[in-house]
Protein backbone atom coordinates (compact mmCIF):
# COMPACT_ATOMS: atom_id res chain seq x y z
CA MET A 1 7.52 -3.21 6.87
CA THR A 2 10.25 -3.01 9.84
CA GLU A 3 11.19 1.06 11.65
CA LYS A 4 15.03 -0.14 10.65
CA GLU A 5 13.76 -0.93 6.89
CA ILE A 6 12.32 3.07 7.19
CA GLY A 7 15.42 3.94 9.02
CA ARG A 8 16.97 2.81 6.16
CA ILE A 9 15.38 4.29 3.25
CA ASN A 10 15.55 7.62 4.64
CA GLU A 11 19.50 7.41 5.27
CA LEU A 12 19.78 6.77 1.23
CA TYR A 13 17.21 9.37 0.25
CA HIS A 14 19.17 11.99 2.79
CA LYS A 15 22.27 10.48 1.33
CA SER A 16 21.25 10.98 -2.20
CA LYS A 17 20.49 14.21 -1.98
CA ALA A 18 24.60 15.06 0.10
CA GLU A 19 26.25 13.33 -2.00
CA GLY A 20 24.63 10.27 -4.41
CA LEU A 21 24.25 6.86 -4.20
CA THR A 22 26.29 4.06 -6.05
CA GLU A 23 24.48 1.85 -8.46
CA GLU A 24 23.57 -0.88 -5.82
CA GLU A 25 22.17 1.71 -2.80
CA LYS A 26 20.00 3.42 -5.86
CA ALA A 27 18.79 -0.28 -6.66
CA GLU A 28 18.26 -0.53 -3.15
CA GLN A 29 16.05 2.19 -2.42
CA ALA A 30 13.95 1.09 -5.50
CA LYS A 31 14.16 -2.40 -3.17
CA LEU A 32 12.88 -0.91 -0.64
CA ARG A 33 10.54 2.10 -2.07
CA GLN A 34 9.08 -0.96 -3.74
CA ASP A 35 8.32 -3.04 -0.60
CA TYR A 36 7.21 0.09 1.82
CA ILE A 37 4.31 0.57 -1.68
CA LEU A 38 3.73 -2.50 -1.48
CA ALA A 39 2.66 -2.57 2.49
CA ILE A 40 0.84 0.93 2.22
CA ARG A 41 -1.61 -0.55 -0.72
CA GLU A 42 -1.62 -3.63 1.79
CA ASN A 43 -3.11 -2.12 4.56
CA LEU A 44 -5.09 -0.15 3.30
CA ARG A 45 -7.08 -2.42 1.68
CA GLY A 46 -7.08 -4.30 5.94
CA THR A 47 -8.87 -1.38 6.18
CA LEU A 48 -11.23 -1.41 3.80
CA ASN A 49 -12.24 -4.65 4.25
CA ASN A 50 -13.28 -3.73 7.46
CA VAL A 51 -15.65 -0.33 6.64
CA SER A 52 -19.25 -0.64 6.38
CA ILE A 53 -21.99 0.90 4.40
CA LEU A 54 -24.67 2.01 6.34
CA GLU A 55 -26.94 2.28 3.50
CA PRO A 56 -29.93 5.24 3.00
CA ASP A 57 -32.78 2.48 4.02
CA GLY A 58 -30.76 1.96 7.12
CA THR A 59 -29.12 -1.98 5.83
CA VAL A 60 -25.13 -2.10 6.63
CA THR A 61 -22.94 -3.75 3.61
CA GLU A 62 -20.02 -4.09 3.88
CA LEU A 63 -17.39 -2.66 1.34
CA LYS A 64 -15.75 -5.79 1.29
CA LYS A 65 -18.85 -7.39 -0.12
CA VAL A 66 -19.04 -4.50 -2.51
CA ALA A 67 -15.87 -5.47 -3.62
CA GLU A 68 -16.07 -8.65 -4.68
CA ARG A 69 -19.33 -7.67 -6.74
CA LYS A 70 -17.57 -5.74 -8.62
CA ALA A 71 -14.93 -8.00 -9.17
CA LYS A 72 -17.22 -10.35 -9.87
CA ARG A 73 -19.31 -8.70 -12.54
CA LYS A 74 -16.13 -7.24 -13.59
CA ARG A 75 -15.12 -10.60 -14.77
CA GLU A 76 -18.82 -12.10 -15.81
CA SER A 77 -18.29 -8.95 -18.93
């Protein structure tokens, strides 16, 4: 998500509070918000995929591998 798109989200928000939005602007705002949420989720997933857990026994487990094991078990159920 670019700074321009974030700026447009804010612009539409302020306009909606001041004078209201047209139907086209409402649709644009909804699309931009959806894109923003997807970008945040992708960023969070990327961050979490780089997290490691130090187990009590001293081993290190990558969070990504834990999630993959859980997903595999869920598919097998």
